[in-house]
Each structure stands twice: as C-alpha cells, then as structure tokens.
Amino acid sequence: MPNANGWLHWLSILVLCSLLVGCTHAVIREHHIALAPADARDTWLGGQAHQALAEQSDPDGFALLADGKEAFSARVGLIRQAQRGLDIQTYLLGDGQTTRLILAQLIKAAEEGVRVRLLVDDIGAIGQDDRLAALASHPSIHVRVFNPLAVGRGHMLTRVLASVVDPARQHRRMHNKLWVADNSVAIVGGRNLGDEYFDANDSRNFADLDFVAIGDVVPALSDSFDLYWNHGLAQPIERYHQVDDSAWQILKTELEDWLDNNADSEYFTELRRKPRSAPPWETLHWGEGLALWDTPGKLSSTTPEWRDTLLGDLTAAASLNQHLVIISAYFVPTEQGVKRLTELADQGVTVEIITNSLESTDAAVVHGAYAPWREELLSHGVALYELRPEQEAGADEDMRVPGASASALHIKALRFDDQLFVGSFNVDPRSIYWNTEIGVLARSESLIHAFNELVALGRDPSLSYRVVLTPQGELNWHLERDGDMEILTTEPGSFWRHFNAWLSHTLKLERWL
C-alpha cells in the first residue's frame, strides 16, 4: 500500500489532471473567404469608398487614428455600417466596457445578416471559452482561436502548466490586429480589444496608433485574414467548448442589460458628447500602400531567417537615405540591430527612436534588454526619447492619454524617408522570430506630415524624457515639469522595475523578448 507521501503524490497528479482536462468535439471546419470585390462595391461602405477613390489618382487612402476614443468610435462605426461581412483579428480580447459594447454590436450586426468572423489568438481566449462559444452559437458569427491548446483553457495558471509539454510552440503567438468591413474599409495597427487601448481605463491606458485604409490595399489585407482563418492552426472555438444553440441570445441579453445599466458611465457620456468627425473617406491622405504580413505557418515552423519574415519584406520594400523614425512600445535592438542603426547614423541618416521609459513600460524585462544599448546608440548620434507615465496636464492629447493616472506607449510605427509603416510589429526579436505580425507600408506626402506632428509630440519634454549622453559618458534624462526644464542623473523607476530590468539583462533574455 502507498505511504502518506505516495498518496499525496498521486493526489497531486489527479488534481493536476482535473485542472488540465479538456477535449475536442467533432465540429465541421468550413472554408470561408472574404467578400468578393465586385460584391463589396455593392455595399454602402464599398460604394462610399469607390466614390472617394474615383476622384483620386492614387490607389489608396489612409487616415491615422491616434486618439483612443476616435479609434473606438471608428470600429463601432464600421460594425454599424457593414452590410455583408466583418472580419476581426486580434491578439487579446479584454472584458471591459468597450469590448462589451463591441460584442453587443457584433450580435446586432449578425441579426441583420452580416457575417462576422472573429479570430483570436488562443492566449487572448484564456478563460473566455464560454463567451466566445456563445457568440459562435449565432448562425452568422464564426469564432476561431489561433494556435490553440485543447487543455488548460480555463485559467492562465493551467494554461502555463499545459504549455510545458510544448513550450517552443506556445512561446509563439498570432500578434496580428486587423479589422475589415465589407472588404472595403480596413483598420490595421497596434490596438487589441480592451479598455486600455481606447482611453477607457481609469488607471492606465496605452498611447496607440492605427491606419484606416480604403483602396487596393484592403483586398490584400482581406487575403491575409483568409490565409489565417483557413490555416490549420485556426480552430473553431466549438471544438473546445460547447454551448446550447440559444447561448448567443442569453449573451445578448446580458450585454444589453449591462450596457443599459452603464449607459451613463463617464466614458460613454464623453463619446456621446464628442463631435463626430467626417467619415474616413472624407479625411484621407492619398497615396500607395503595401500590405505586409507574416505567413501563418511561421508559428509551426523552425526559427525563420529574418529575411523570410515581415521584417525582410519591409526592408526590401522600403528605401532609406535620409530619415528613420522608430516608435516602438517594446524596443529590443539587439547587437545586430544596434550595429545597423549606428552605421546609418554614421552615414548621415537622422535616426530617432521613441519608446517607453522604465517607469511607463508594462514589461520591465523588455526594458532590461534595451537599456544597455543606449550609450552605444547615443554615442553615434541616435536620438532617444522615452515616454513618461505621467505627463503635464496641458500637453497635447494625441500622444498623451487623458483620463488616466498613467499611460504607456503601445505604438508600432516606422518612418523610412517618405514611407510610413504602421502595424503590430515591434522592433524586437519576438516580432521578428516568434510572433506573426501585420502592417501596411504607405507612401503619401501628406501622411508623412501628419505623422511628423505625432513625432514632434513624442519629443515634447512634457511628454517624454530626452535621454542624453554626457561628455563623461553618463546618462541623463531631460524633462519639463511645471514649465521648468529638469535634468535627472539617475533613471526614474521603482526598485522593483529596476530589479526586473537588471534580471532580464543578467539572464540574457534578449532573444526571447
């Protein structure tokens, strides 16, 4: 007979198995494709886009969405205006007031005959199977999870335990963010679904950026969605969680009741008061765009050669002789990247980098892989700016996040001379090697001017620290506080943040970040 320790051992295994228990159900996985361009033109959005494009010589139109509330309103507007199809791809799916309103609107659109396809990375679906399966119970709503595990789905702890059997695969995620309405208007950029991406979180929000696009680039983005949607790593949520056919009606009632009870929230009230701007096709920058994305099979392959990734395609398509601007929430340049950046600076290319400060980042371990390279970059004339978590109350609000006590940068944008790339791609090894990413490279003179205004805000000392290398080789942080310029000689940030950054550097985690 087993002794006490033996019984404890077997009991632990039983408990673990009960946590990890999961199964798949026989579900037909249908092949779907985006609305055909000819059919898209017959929709209201398609007609509006076609009319706007007919008056231009350029094939594409773009608008920048820097303001969180405007970015949210644009998404809700597209849901309400779509008549045939909505395709949404996201890494994370939060459970806040913005997400609940979007889900309610998706159900309403489906009831009106719109086909909804929602593709969520499986990490973003942890603990949400019941809600996602309820959505998918509507005949016109289809939900798939990307790179899923069949077990440990209910909680992050059990998911981590389940991932132990295949850590290499589970380290790699679908990081794409894309919205396409009626294959006529697209939104691509850095925003996931969650309050903090739309200035709706009371404590902490992200400064982020999206492209709204019409034109030839939209069907190309739809092609990318179809590739991911029909890939073997994209599985129907019903295979992991089954609900009654009427579950969507219960979810609809719950969402509507919650929205009714919170209709007078400060955020929703501000949205109603906010003056409605012109539709995107009336305020666009005209030019030519190129949709770029990693292949969905990147997650199931060996570590790729960087030239075979989105970065390789972007490098091949972009020309650079004068000015490089990098805005990256998670900036991990690596030795190879630092060598390239310093070579460009030595050749006379103006190189500017805007990223998070140690105080503002939500990932201090990432900061630890960036910080040791600052002296080398600065010594070659590269300009470094680090977003502060709390800005001056009077600062411009395009990059400042109003209504929250702290903010962090989440923008992923790169300017190459007269071309601008906006998407989900961070300048770090994770985006290059481990995750899949998407974005659009656009050439437009007026778009570059609009982006330059955003960059100017990022340089503002009331918003960001300017990191400076003294003649003695020491780092200083220049800022403006209460109208006065200050210089800090030690890096701002709590002991815990400094410790995490130090630990990341000491353990040489750079390649995995």
Protein backbone atom coordinates (compact mmCIF):
# COMPACT_ATOMS: atom_id res chain seq x y z
CA MET A 1 0.00 0.00 0.00
CA PRO A 2 1.32 3.51 -0.74
CA ASN A 3 2.51 5.54 2.24
CA ALA A 4 1.27 9.04 3.06
CA ASN A 5 3.76 10.65 0.71
CA GLY A 6 2.71 8.26 -2.04
CA TRP A 7 -0.95 9.13 -1.62
CA LEU A 8 -0.07 12.84 -1.71
CA HIS A 9 1.90 12.30 -4.91
CA TRP A 10 -0.98 10.56 -6.67
CA LEU A 11 -3.50 13.07 -5.33
CA SER A 12 -1.41 15.90 -6.77
CA ILE A 13 -1.37 14.22 -10.17
CA LEU A 14 -5.14 13.72 -10.02
CA VAL A 15 -5.70 17.38 -9.16
CA LEU A 16 -3.40 18.49 -11.98
CA CYS A 17 -5.20 16.25 -14.46
CA SER A 18 -8.54 17.66 -13.40
CA LEU A 19 -7.21 21.15 -13.99
CA LEU A 20 -5.88 20.28 -17.40
CA VAL A 21 -8.77 18.16 -18.53
CA GLY A 22 -10.04 19.13 -21.92
CA CYS A 23 -11.41 17.57 -25.03
CA THR A 24 -12.22 18.40 -28.57
CA HIS A 25 -15.59 17.85 -30.17
CA ALA A 26 -16.34 16.87 -33.74
CA VAL A 27 -17.07 20.18 -35.45
CA ILE A 28 -17.13 20.83 -39.18
CA ARG A 29 -14.48 23.41 -40.04
CA GLU A 30 -15.73 25.26 -43.09
CA HIS A 31 -13.57 27.13 -45.59
CA HIS A 32 -14.50 30.82 -45.71
CA ILE A 33 -13.25 33.65 -47.89
CA ALA A 34 -13.75 37.40 -47.86
CA LEU A 35 -16.50 39.16 -49.76
CA ALA A 36 -15.60 39.37 -53.46
CA PRO A 37 -14.51 42.89 -54.57
CA ALA A 38 -17.42 43.13 -57.02
CA ASP A 39 -19.88 42.30 -54.24
CA ALA A 40 -18.10 44.66 -51.86
CA ARG A 41 -18.72 47.57 -54.20
CA ASP A 42 -22.47 46.94 -53.92
CA THR A 43 -22.41 47.63 -50.17
CA TRP A 44 -22.80 51.10 -48.68
CA LEU A 45 -19.20 51.18 -47.44
CA GLY A 46 -17.96 49.86 -50.76
CA GLY A 47 -19.90 52.49 -52.64
CA GLN A 48 -18.58 55.31 -50.47
CA ALA A 49 -15.00 54.08 -50.83
CA HIS A 50 -15.37 53.64 -54.60
CA GLN A 51 -16.75 57.16 -54.98
CA ALA A 52 -13.88 58.66 -52.96
CA LEU A 53 -11.27 56.70 -54.91
CA ALA A 54 -12.79 57.69 -58.26
CA GLU A 55 -11.90 61.30 -57.51
CA GLN A 56 -8.22 60.48 -56.89
CA SER A 57 -5.31 59.30 -58.98
CA ASP A 58 -3.74 57.36 -56.10
CA PRO A 59 -4.89 53.79 -55.42
CA ASP A 60 -5.21 54.07 -51.64
CA GLY A 61 -6.34 56.40 -48.90
CA PHE A 62 -5.19 56.45 -45.28
CA ALA A 63 -6.06 58.14 -42.02
CA LEU A 64 -4.14 57.99 -38.74
CA LEU A 65 -6.08 57.05 -35.61
CA ALA A 66 -4.03 58.31 -32.67
CA ASP A 67 -6.86 59.26 -30.32
CA GLY A 68 -8.21 56.26 -28.41
CA LYS A 69 -11.83 57.37 -28.37
CA GLU A 70 -11.76 58.10 -32.10
CA ALA A 71 -10.24 54.66 -32.70
CA PHE A 72 -13.07 53.06 -30.74
CA SER A 73 -15.75 55.12 -32.48
CA ALA A 74 -14.31 54.16 -35.87
CA ARG A 75 -14.57 50.47 -35.03
CA VAL A 76 -18.12 50.74 -33.74
CA GLY A 77 -19.00 52.80 -36.80
CA LEU A 78 -17.72 50.10 -39.14
CA ILE A 79 -19.76 47.45 -37.32
CA ARG A 80 -22.90 49.54 -37.73
CA GLN A 81 -22.20 50.42 -41.37
CA ALA A 82 -21.24 46.95 -42.58
CA GLN A 83 -23.88 45.11 -44.57
CA ARG A 84 -22.24 41.86 -45.66
CA GLY A 85 -19.12 40.96 -43.72
CA LEU A 86 -16.96 41.86 -40.71
CA ASP A 87 -13.56 40.25 -40.22
CA ILE A 88 -11.77 40.91 -36.93
CA GLN A 89 -8.35 39.57 -35.97
CA THR A 90 -6.87 40.29 -32.55
CA TYR A 91 -4.20 39.10 -30.17
CA LEU A 92 -6.01 40.00 -26.94
CA LEU A 93 -9.70 40.26 -26.07
CA GLY A 94 -10.37 42.09 -22.83
CA ASP A 95 -13.56 42.20 -20.79
CA GLY A 96 -14.32 45.88 -20.30
CA GLN A 97 -16.96 48.38 -21.31
CA THR A 98 -15.53 48.85 -24.82
CA THR A 99 -15.38 45.12 -25.53
CA ARG A 100 -18.90 44.57 -24.23
CA LEU A 101 -20.26 47.28 -26.48
CA ILE A 102 -18.41 45.84 -29.47
CA LEU A 103 -19.70 42.32 -28.78
CA ALA A 104 -23.25 43.61 -28.45
CA GLN A 105 -22.89 45.45 -31.75
CA LEU A 106 -21.49 42.34 -33.44
CA ILE A 107 -24.54 40.33 -32.37
CA LYS A 108 -26.82 43.09 -33.64
CA ALA A 109 -24.97 43.13 -36.97
CA ALA A 110 -25.27 39.35 -37.25
CA GLU A 111 -29.01 39.57 -36.62
CA GLU A 112 -29.18 41.96 -39.57
CA GLY A 113 -27.48 39.44 -41.85
CA VAL A 114 -23.82 40.42 -41.57
CA ARG A 115 -21.38 37.51 -41.50
CA VAL A 116 -18.96 38.02 -38.60
CA ARG A 117 -15.61 36.24 -38.42
CA LEU A 118 -13.65 36.72 -35.18
CA LEU A 119 -10.12 35.29 -34.98
CA VAL A 120 -8.42 35.49 -31.57
CA ASP A 121 -5.01 34.25 -30.55
CA ASP A 122 -5.53 31.42 -28.09
CA ILE A 123 -3.69 33.25 -25.31
CA GLY A 124 -6.25 36.04 -25.66
CA ALA A 125 -9.05 33.50 -25.29
CA ILE A 126 -7.92 32.06 -21.95
CA GLY A 127 -10.88 31.89 -19.56
CA GLN A 128 -13.29 33.16 -22.24
CA ASP A 129 -14.40 29.97 -23.94
CA ASP A 130 -17.95 30.28 -22.64
CA ARG A 131 -18.40 33.80 -24.00
CA LEU A 132 -16.72 33.05 -27.32
CA ALA A 133 -18.70 29.83 -27.79
CA ALA A 134 -21.90 31.73 -27.02
CA LEU A 135 -21.02 34.23 -29.75
CA ALA A 136 -20.30 31.41 -32.16
CA SER A 137 -23.69 29.81 -31.47
CA HIS A 138 -25.25 32.54 -33.63
CA PRO A 139 -25.58 31.19 -37.18
CA SER A 140 -23.89 34.27 -38.66
CA ILE A 141 -21.00 34.54 -36.19
CA HIS A 142 -17.91 32.36 -36.51
CA VAL A 143 -15.17 32.34 -33.88
CA ARG A 144 -11.80 30.66 -34.20
CA VAL A 145 -8.79 30.55 -31.90
CA PHE A 146 -5.27 30.51 -33.31
CA ASN A 147 -2.56 28.11 -32.16
CA PRO A 148 -4.85 26.55 -29.53
CA LEU A 149 -4.32 24.02 -26.80
CA ALA A 150 -7.17 21.66 -26.01
CA VAL A 151 -6.33 21.60 -22.30
CA GLY A 152 -5.79 24.13 -19.53
CA ARG A 153 -8.05 26.67 -21.19
CA GLY A 154 -9.86 27.97 -18.14
CA HIS A 155 -7.09 29.90 -16.38
CA MET A 156 -3.63 31.29 -17.10
CA LEU A 157 -2.07 29.01 -14.47
CA THR A 158 -3.46 25.84 -16.03
CA ARG A 159 -2.55 27.16 -19.47
CA VAL A 160 1.07 27.62 -18.38
CA LEU A 161 1.12 24.10 -16.95
CA ALA A 162 -0.36 22.69 -20.15
CA SER A 163 2.18 24.58 -22.25
CA VAL A 164 5.07 22.76 -20.58
CA VAL A 165 4.63 19.85 -22.97
CA ASP A 166 5.40 22.08 -25.98
CA PRO A 167 6.96 25.36 -24.75
CA ALA A 168 8.60 26.21 -28.08
CA ARG A 169 5.24 26.33 -29.85
CA GLN A 170 3.40 28.07 -27.05
CA HIS A 171 6.00 30.84 -26.96
CA ARG A 172 4.90 31.80 -30.46
CA ARG A 173 1.69 33.78 -30.89
CA MET A 174 -0.51 35.41 -33.51
CA HIS A 175 0.04 39.09 -32.71
CA ASN A 176 -1.89 40.48 -35.73
CA LYS A 177 -4.54 43.18 -35.31
CA LEU A 178 -6.87 43.77 -38.24
CA TRP A 179 -10.45 44.89 -38.93
CA VAL A 180 -12.06 44.68 -42.37
CA ALA A 181 -15.64 45.76 -43.07
CA ASP A 182 -17.32 44.63 -46.30
CA ASN A 183 -13.85 44.19 -47.83
CA SER A 184 -13.98 47.97 -48.35
CA VAL A 185 -12.55 49.66 -45.25
CA ALA A 186 -9.77 48.29 -43.05
CA ILE A 187 -8.17 49.20 -39.74
CA VAL A 188 -4.67 47.89 -39.05
CA GLY A 189 -2.34 48.88 -36.25
CA GLY A 190 -1.37 48.23 -32.67
CA ARG A 191 -4.68 48.10 -30.81
CA ASN A 192 -6.09 44.93 -29.28
CA LEU A 193 -9.63 44.81 -27.88
CA GLY A 194 -9.67 46.16 -24.34
CA ASP A 195 -10.41 49.37 -22.44
CA GLU A 196 -6.76 50.37 -22.11
CA TYR A 197 -6.43 50.64 -25.91
CA PHE A 198 -9.31 53.11 -26.22
CA ASP A 199 -8.67 55.53 -23.32
CA ALA A 200 -11.40 53.82 -21.29
CA ASN A 201 -9.35 52.53 -18.36
CA ASP A 202 -9.41 54.62 -15.19
CA SER A 203 -5.88 53.74 -14.06
CA ARG A 204 -3.69 53.03 -17.09
CA ASN A 205 -4.08 53.50 -20.84
CA PHE A 206 -1.98 52.99 -23.94
CA ALA A 207 -0.99 55.63 -26.48
CA ASP A 208 -1.51 53.73 -29.72
CA LEU A 209 -1.87 54.18 -33.47
CA ASP A 210 -3.92 52.66 -36.31
CA PHE A 211 -4.29 53.13 -40.04
CA VAL A 212 -7.77 53.40 -41.51
CA ALA A 213 -7.46 52.41 -45.16
CA ILE A 214 -9.50 52.19 -48.35
CA GLY A 215 -8.40 51.20 -51.82
CA ASP A 216 -6.35 48.39 -53.33
CA VAL A 217 -4.66 47.65 -50.02
CA VAL A 218 -7.92 46.48 -48.42
CA PRO A 219 -8.47 43.31 -50.51
CA ALA A 220 -4.81 42.46 -49.88
CA LEU A 221 -5.41 42.72 -46.13
CA SER A 222 -8.51 40.53 -46.55
CA ASP A 223 -6.33 37.95 -48.29
CA SER A 224 -4.12 37.87 -45.20
CA PHE A 225 -7.15 37.34 -42.98
CA ASP A 226 -8.37 34.47 -45.17
CA LEU A 227 -4.95 32.82 -45.00
CA TYR A 228 -5.00 32.89 -41.20
CA TRP A 229 -8.68 31.97 -40.94
CA ASN A 230 -8.34 28.88 -43.12
CA HIS A 231 -4.96 27.78 -41.77
CA GLY A 232 -4.78 24.56 -39.77
CA LEU A 233 -3.74 26.49 -36.64
CA ALA A 234 -7.09 28.33 -36.62
CA GLN A 235 -9.69 26.13 -34.95
CA PRO A 236 -13.39 26.72 -34.21
CA ILE A 237 -13.99 27.53 -30.56
CA GLU A 238 -16.75 24.88 -30.55
CA ARG A 239 -14.10 22.17 -30.67
CA TYR A 240 -13.08 23.10 -27.13
CA HIS A 241 -16.28 24.38 -25.57
CA GLN A 242 -19.87 23.55 -26.44
CA VAL A 243 -22.96 25.56 -25.51
CA ASP A 244 -26.64 25.48 -26.38
CA ASP A 245 -27.70 26.84 -29.75
CA SER A 246 -29.50 29.67 -27.95
CA ALA A 247 -26.48 30.75 -25.90
CA TRP A 248 -25.99 33.85 -28.05
CA GLN A 249 -29.45 35.08 -27.04
CA ILE A 250 -28.55 34.81 -23.36
CA LEU A 251 -25.26 36.62 -24.01
CA LYS A 252 -27.10 39.30 -25.96
CA THR A 253 -29.48 39.91 -23.05
CA GLU A 254 -26.63 40.03 -20.54
CA LEU A 255 -24.68 42.52 -22.65
CA GLU A 256 -27.71 44.73 -23.28
CA ASP A 257 -28.63 44.74 -19.58
CA TRP A 258 -25.07 45.68 -18.63
CA LEU A 259 -24.93 48.44 -21.24
CA ASP A 260 -28.28 49.83 -20.11
CA ASN A 261 -27.06 49.92 -16.52
CA ASN A 262 -23.83 51.64 -17.54
CA ALA A 263 -25.12 53.93 -20.27
CA ASP A 264 -24.33 56.97 -18.14
CA SER A 265 -20.73 55.98 -17.47
CA GLU A 266 -18.23 58.80 -17.87
CA TYR A 267 -16.69 57.15 -20.93
CA PHE A 268 -19.93 56.55 -22.81
CA THR A 269 -21.13 60.03 -21.90
CA GLU A 270 -17.94 61.55 -23.32
CA LEU A 271 -18.35 59.54 -26.50
CA ARG A 272 -21.87 60.88 -26.98
CA ARG A 273 -20.65 64.44 -26.40
CA LYS A 274 -17.66 64.07 -28.69
CA PRO A 275 -18.35 65.76 -32.03
CA ARG A 276 -18.48 63.27 -34.85
CA SER A 277 -15.68 63.75 -37.35
CA ALA A 278 -16.16 63.21 -41.07
CA PRO A 279 -16.18 59.62 -42.32
CA PRO A 280 -12.68 58.29 -43.01
CA TRP A 281 -13.04 58.57 -46.79
CA GLU A 282 -13.56 62.34 -46.47
CA THR A 283 -10.42 62.97 -44.41
CA LEU A 284 -7.85 60.69 -46.02
CA HIS A 285 -4.25 61.09 -47.07
CA TRP A 286 -3.87 59.74 -50.58
CA GLY A 287 -1.03 57.57 -51.73
CA GLU A 288 0.01 53.98 -52.32
CA GLY A 289 0.07 51.22 -49.73
CA LEU A 290 1.59 47.77 -49.48
CA ALA A 291 0.09 45.21 -47.11
CA LEU A 292 2.73 43.09 -45.37
CA TRP A 293 2.27 40.12 -43.09
CA ASP A 294 4.00 37.03 -41.79
CA THR A 295 2.77 33.70 -43.10
CA PRO A 296 0.53 31.95 -40.55
CA GLY A 297 2.71 28.86 -40.76
CA LYS A 298 5.54 30.81 -39.12
CA LEU A 299 4.27 29.61 -35.74
CA SER A 300 4.61 25.93 -36.61
CA SER A 301 7.99 26.15 -38.36
CA THR A 302 11.55 26.31 -37.07
CA THR A 303 13.06 29.70 -36.23
CA PRO A 304 12.87 31.59 -39.53
CA GLU A 305 15.61 33.51 -41.26
CA TRP A 306 14.76 37.18 -40.69
CA ARG A 307 14.73 37.86 -44.43
CA ASP A 308 11.82 35.41 -44.72
CA THR A 309 9.70 37.35 -42.24
CA LEU A 310 7.67 40.56 -42.36
CA LEU A 311 10.86 42.45 -41.45
CA GLY A 312 12.59 41.05 -44.52
CA ASP A 313 9.70 42.11 -46.76
CA LEU A 314 9.59 45.53 -45.13
CA THR A 315 13.33 46.06 -45.54
CA ALA A 316 13.13 45.07 -49.21
CA ALA A 317 10.19 47.39 -49.92
CA ALA A 318 11.36 50.49 -48.01
CA SER A 319 14.02 52.91 -49.17
CA LEU A 320 16.14 54.74 -46.60
CA ASN A 321 18.66 57.51 -47.24
CA GLN A 322 17.76 60.45 -45.01
CA HIS A 323 15.46 59.88 -42.05
CA LEU A 324 14.49 56.88 -39.93
CA VAL A 325 11.95 57.19 -37.12
CA ILE A 326 11.14 54.23 -34.90
CA ILE A 327 8.22 54.36 -32.48
CA SER A 328 8.12 51.02 -30.72
CA ALA A 329 6.49 50.18 -27.41
CA TYR A 330 8.90 47.29 -26.89
CA PHE A 331 12.27 48.20 -28.39
CA VAL A 332 14.94 45.49 -28.22
CA PRO A 333 17.52 46.43 -30.85
CA THR A 334 19.97 43.51 -30.28
CA GLU A 335 23.64 43.66 -31.21
CA GLN A 336 22.92 43.28 -34.91
CA GLY A 337 20.26 45.98 -34.86
CA VAL A 338 22.47 48.42 -32.94
CA LYS A 339 25.22 47.87 -35.49
CA ARG A 340 22.84 48.72 -38.33
CA LEU A 341 21.38 51.77 -36.58
CA THR A 342 24.78 53.21 -35.73
CA GLU A 343 26.01 52.59 -39.29
CA LEU A 344 23.03 54.56 -40.61
CA ALA A 345 23.71 57.40 -38.19
CA ASP A 346 27.40 57.45 -39.14
CA GLN A 347 26.35 57.69 -42.81
CA GLY A 348 24.35 60.86 -42.07
CA VAL A 349 20.88 59.34 -41.72
CA THR A 350 18.84 61.03 -38.99
CA VAL A 351 17.75 58.28 -36.60
CA GLU A 352 15.12 58.97 -33.93
CA ILE A 353 13.69 56.39 -31.53
CA ILE A 354 10.68 56.84 -29.26
CA THR A 355 9.95 54.06 -26.79
CA ASN A 356 8.72 53.54 -23.24
CA SER A 357 10.65 54.65 -20.19
CA LEU A 358 11.31 52.20 -17.39
CA GLU A 359 8.53 53.95 -15.46
CA SER A 360 5.91 53.68 -18.20
CA THR A 361 6.56 50.25 -19.70
CA ASP A 362 4.29 47.35 -18.80
CA ALA A 363 7.22 44.98 -19.36
CA ALA A 364 10.31 45.96 -17.37
CA VAL A 365 12.04 42.78 -18.53
CA VAL A 366 11.91 44.16 -22.08
CA HIS A 367 13.41 47.43 -20.90
CA GLY A 368 16.29 45.44 -19.46
CA ALA A 369 17.16 44.18 -22.93
CA TYR A 370 17.05 47.70 -24.41
CA ALA A 371 18.71 49.82 -21.73
CA PRO A 372 22.31 48.50 -22.07
CA TRP A 373 22.42 49.67 -25.72
CA ARG A 374 21.60 53.32 -25.02
CA GLU A 375 25.17 54.57 -24.60
CA GLU A 376 26.27 52.98 -27.87
CA LEU A 377 23.31 54.40 -29.79
CA LEU A 378 23.67 57.88 -28.32
CA SER A 379 27.42 58.00 -28.94
CA HIS A 380 26.71 57.73 -32.67
CA GLY A 381 24.11 60.47 -32.68
CA VAL A 382 20.94 58.41 -32.49
CA ALA A 383 18.21 60.40 -30.68
CA LEU A 384 16.38 58.59 -27.87
CA TYR A 385 13.09 59.61 -26.30
CA GLU A 386 11.29 57.65 -23.56
CA LEU A 387 7.62 58.26 -22.85
CA ARG A 388 6.86 59.34 -19.30
CA PRO A 389 4.00 57.62 -17.45
CA GLU A 390 2.50 60.92 -16.26
CA GLN A 391 2.53 64.00 -18.46
CA GLU A 392 1.82 67.64 -17.93
CA ALA A 393 -1.91 68.36 -17.79
CA GLY A 394 -1.66 70.91 -20.60
CA ALA A 395 0.19 68.67 -23.01
CA ASP A 396 -1.23 67.88 -26.42
CA GLU A 397 -3.52 64.90 -26.23
CA ASP A 398 -2.67 62.99 -29.40
CA MET A 399 0.05 61.10 -27.57
CA ARG A 400 -0.92 61.99 -24.02
CA VAL A 401 -3.63 59.69 -22.71
CA PRO A 402 -6.34 61.72 -20.96
CA GLY A 403 -8.45 60.48 -18.08
CA ALA A 404 -5.89 58.09 -16.61
CA SER A 405 -3.29 58.43 -13.91
CA ALA A 406 -0.64 56.72 -16.03
CA SER A 407 -0.01 55.89 -19.65
CA ALA A 408 2.28 53.71 -21.69
CA LEU A 409 3.34 53.66 -25.31
CA HIS A 410 1.88 50.89 -27.47
CA ILE A 411 2.51 52.37 -30.93
CA LYS A 412 4.34 50.36 -33.59
CA ALA A 413 5.36 52.68 -36.43
CA LEU A 414 8.42 53.22 -38.59
CA ARG A 415 9.16 56.06 -40.98
CA PHE A 416 11.59 55.40 -43.84
CA ASP A 417 12.19 58.77 -45.58
CA ASP A 418 8.82 59.34 -47.33
CA GLN A 419 7.25 55.98 -46.41
CA LEU A 420 5.38 55.11 -43.22
CA PHE A 421 4.76 51.64 -41.79
CA VAL A 422 2.05 51.14 -39.16
CA GLY A 423 1.06 47.76 -37.79
CA SER A 424 1.51 45.26 -34.98
CA PHE A 425 5.28 44.85 -35.42
CA ASN A 426 7.55 45.86 -32.53
CA VAL A 427 11.25 46.29 -33.12
CA ASP A 428 12.23 43.26 -31.06
CA PRO A 429 13.18 39.60 -31.56
CA ARG A 430 9.69 38.42 -30.57
CA SER A 431 8.11 40.22 -33.52
CA ILE A 432 10.87 39.10 -35.88
CA TYR A 433 11.19 35.44 -34.95
CA TRP A 434 8.42 34.23 -32.63
CA ASN A 435 5.13 36.01 -33.37
CA THR A 436 3.23 36.65 -36.57
CA GLU A 437 2.66 40.31 -37.42
CA ILE A 438 0.89 42.51 -39.94
CA GLY A 439 1.05 46.09 -41.15
CA VAL A 440 0.88 48.49 -44.09
CA LEU A 441 3.73 50.45 -45.68
CA ALA A 442 2.35 53.64 -47.22
CA ARG A 443 3.87 56.38 -49.34
CA SER A 444 2.00 59.68 -49.04
CA GLU A 445 3.42 63.18 -48.60
CA SER A 446 0.52 64.49 -46.50
CA LEU A 447 0.51 61.32 -44.39
CA ILE A 448 4.18 61.84 -43.54
CA HIS A 449 3.40 65.42 -42.49
CA ALA A 450 0.64 64.16 -40.16
CA PHE A 451 2.98 61.53 -38.73
CA ASN A 452 5.71 64.13 -38.20
CA GLU A 453 3.30 66.08 -36.00
CA LEU A 454 2.86 62.96 -33.87
CA VAL A 455 6.63 62.50 -33.67
CA ALA A 456 7.01 66.12 -32.56
CA LEU A 457 4.64 65.37 -29.69
CA GLY A 458 6.72 62.34 -28.80
CA ARG A 459 9.77 64.58 -28.48
CA ASP A 460 7.94 67.06 -26.24
CA PRO A 461 9.75 67.22 -22.86
CA SER A 462 6.41 67.47 -21.08
CA LEU A 463 5.55 64.04 -22.51
CA SER A 464 8.88 62.24 -22.76
CA TYR A 465 12.37 62.11 -21.36
CA ARG A 466 15.13 63.04 -23.81
CA VAL A 467 17.95 60.65 -22.98
CA VAL A 468 21.32 62.39 -23.26
CA LEU A 469 24.89 61.09 -23.00
CA THR A 470 27.15 63.50 -21.09
CA PRO A 471 30.80 64.11 -22.06
CA GLN A 472 31.70 61.91 -19.08
CA GLY A 473 29.75 59.02 -20.61
CA GLU A 474 26.85 59.21 -18.12
CA LEU A 475 23.16 59.08 -18.99
CA ASN A 476 20.86 61.99 -18.16
CA TRP A 477 17.11 62.29 -18.57
CA HIS A 478 15.87 65.75 -19.65
CA LEU A 479 12.24 66.69 -19.00
CA GLU A 480 9.89 69.59 -18.42
CA ARG A 481 7.91 69.79 -15.21
CA ASP A 482 5.59 72.68 -14.30
CA GLY A 483 7.08 74.72 -17.12
CA ASP A 484 10.66 74.29 -15.95
CA MET A 485 13.33 72.10 -17.51
CA GLU A 486 14.92 69.49 -15.26
CA ILE A 487 17.77 67.02 -15.63
CA LEU A 488 17.75 63.68 -13.83
CA THR A 489 21.05 61.90 -13.34
CA THR A 490 19.58 58.55 -12.28
CA GLU A 491 16.97 56.61 -14.23
CA PRO A 492 13.47 57.10 -12.81
CA GLY A 493 11.65 53.97 -11.72
CA SER A 494 10.86 51.86 -8.68
CA PHE A 495 13.28 49.36 -7.17
CA TRP A 496 11.10 46.51 -8.41
CA ARG A 497 11.20 47.79 -12.00
CA HIS A 498 14.96 48.28 -11.84
CA PHE A 499 15.34 44.75 -10.45
CA ASN A 500 13.26 43.20 -13.22
CA ALA A 501 15.21 45.07 -15.88
CA TRP A 502 18.51 44.01 -14.29
CA LEU A 503 17.39 40.39 -14.04
CA SER A 504 16.36 40.32 -17.69
CA HIS A 505 19.77 41.62 -18.75
CA THR A 506 21.65 39.32 -16.39
CA LEU A 507 19.81 36.22 -17.61
CA LYS A 508 20.36 37.30 -21.23
CA LEU A 509 16.68 37.02 -22.14
CA GLU A 510 17.05 39.41 -25.08
CA ARG A 511 16.44 36.84 -27.83
CA TRP A 512 13.15 35.71 -26.25
CA LEU A 513 11.72 39.20 -25.84
